[in-house]
Protein backbone atom coordinates (compact mmCIF):
# COMPACT_ATOMS: atom_id res chain seq x y z
CA MET A 1 -52.39 -42.77 10.80
CA HIS A 2 -55.61 -42.36 8.50
CA ILE A 3 -57.38 -44.42 5.83
CA TYR A 4 -59.41 -43.28 2.96
CA ASN A 5 -61.39 -46.59 2.18
CA VAL A 6 -63.16 -46.92 -0.82
CA SER A 7 -65.66 -49.79 -1.25
CA THR A 8 -66.80 -50.65 -4.81
CA LYS A 9 -69.37 -53.13 -5.96
CA ILE A 10 -68.63 -54.43 -9.60
CA ASP A 11 -70.79 -56.01 -11.85
CA PHE A 12 -69.54 -59.58 -12.54
CA VAL A 13 -69.32 -58.71 -16.51
CA ILE A 14 -66.44 -56.29 -15.83
CA GLU A 15 -64.92 -57.67 -12.82
CA GLU A 16 -61.79 -58.91 -14.51
CA SER A 17 -61.08 -55.80 -16.80
CA TRP A 18 -61.88 -53.25 -13.85
CA LYS A 19 -59.60 -55.27 -11.49
CA LYS A 20 -56.68 -55.12 -13.94
CA TRP A 21 -57.44 -51.43 -14.64
CA MET A 22 -57.43 -50.80 -10.83
CA LEU A 23 -53.81 -52.37 -10.48
CA GLU A 24 -52.15 -51.06 -13.68
CA GLU A 25 -54.11 -47.54 -13.98
CA HIS A 26 -56.12 -46.22 -11.12
CA ILE A 27 -54.40 -47.21 -8.11
CA PRO A 28 -50.88 -46.22 -9.54
CA GLN A 29 -52.35 -42.63 -10.48
CA VAL A 30 -53.84 -42.25 -7.02
CA MET A 31 -50.32 -43.18 -5.46
CA GLY A 32 -48.88 -40.87 -7.97
CA THR A 33 -50.45 -37.87 -5.96
CA ASN A 34 -48.05 -38.30 -3.31
CA CYS A 35 -50.97 -37.93 -0.80
CA PHE A 36 -50.81 -41.59 0.16
CA VAL A 37 -47.88 -43.77 1.75
CA LYS A 38 -49.09 -47.14 0.99
CA TYR A 39 -52.58 -49.00 -0.14
CA GLN A 40 -54.22 -52.40 0.23
CA PHE A 41 -56.43 -53.83 -2.40
CA VAL A 42 -58.97 -56.42 -1.05
CA ARG A 43 -61.74 -58.56 -2.17
CA VAL A 44 -64.64 -58.85 0.34
CA MET A 45 -65.46 -62.65 0.65
CA ASP A 46 -68.48 -62.77 2.88
CA ASP A 47 -70.87 -60.57 0.47
CA GLU A 48 -73.73 -62.88 -0.67
CA ASP A 49 -74.88 -60.42 -3.48
CA LYS A 50 -75.44 -62.24 -6.56
CA ASP A 51 -75.37 -59.09 -8.62
CA GLY A 52 -71.69 -58.43 -8.39
CA ALA A 53 -68.24 -58.58 -6.49
CA VAL A 54 -67.55 -56.15 -3.62
CA TYR A 55 -63.59 -55.06 -3.44
CA ALA A 56 -62.12 -52.42 -1.04
CA ILE A 57 -59.25 -50.07 -1.47
CA SER A 58 -57.72 -48.73 1.67
CA TYR A 59 -55.35 -45.64 1.13
CA TYR A 60 -53.26 -44.72 4.10
CA PHE A 61 -52.01 -41.30 4.99
CA ASN A 62 -50.10 -39.90 7.80
CA ASN A 63 -52.06 -36.30 8.41
CA LEU A 64 -55.38 -34.63 7.23
CA ASP A 65 -53.53 -32.17 5.26
CA GLN A 66 -52.37 -34.92 2.87
CA PHE A 67 -55.94 -36.04 2.32
CA GLU A 68 -57.22 -32.53 2.31
CA ASN A 69 -54.65 -31.98 -0.72
CA TYR A 70 -55.80 -35.14 -2.41
CA LEU A 71 -59.68 -33.88 -2.32
CA ALA A 72 -59.03 -30.50 -3.59
CA ASN A 73 -56.61 -31.15 -6.24
CA PHE A 74 -57.05 -34.99 -7.43
CA ALA A 75 -60.33 -36.58 -6.28
CA ASP A 76 -62.64 -35.13 -8.58
CA THR A 77 -60.83 -35.71 -11.90
CA LEU A 78 -60.03 -39.32 -10.71
CA ARG A 79 -63.44 -39.82 -9.90
CA LYS A 80 -65.06 -38.38 -13.17
CA GLU A 81 -62.40 -40.48 -15.12
CA THR A 82 -63.54 -43.72 -13.23
CA LEU A 83 -67.38 -43.01 -13.85
CA GLY A 84 -66.57 -42.43 -17.49
CA LYS A 85 -64.99 -45.66 -17.69
CA TRP A 86 -67.09 -47.78 -16.17
CA GLY A 87 -70.54 -45.76 -15.61
CA ASN A 88 -73.17 -47.71 -13.79
CA GLN A 89 -71.77 -50.78 -13.86
CA MET A 90 -70.07 -50.01 -10.51
CA ILE A 91 -70.73 -48.05 -7.34
CA ALA A 92 -68.51 -46.71 -4.55
CA PHE A 93 -68.70 -45.76 -1.41
CA ARG A 94 -65.95 -44.00 0.68
CA SER A 95 -65.18 -43.71 4.06
CA LEU A 96 -62.41 -41.83 6.13
CA LEU A 97 -60.73 -43.90 8.98
CA GLU A 98 -58.69 -43.21 11.78
CA VAL A 99 -56.27 -45.90 13.23
CA ILE A 100 -56.22 -46.47 16.84
CA GLU A 101 -53.63 -49.09 17.08
């Protein structure tokens, strides 16, 4: 099992509308690609940053072919849509993780 983790710092001004958009639009679009088997959406609680809230979305997948399919066919479009909607009010950091146990 592997995880594609997207950590995002959100300006407090858009936090609630961004969170609603993530749950109602973006995450369902990502899951609709059928490249991931489940996801987890969390808020980072120990971040002392006064400029914004930090969230992480972990998308789980079984093999690297699924992830490569996501990157090749869906990632660019979804990233452009996100940037077009929220611009510089957010910044995302992506990681590819392997589940050990």
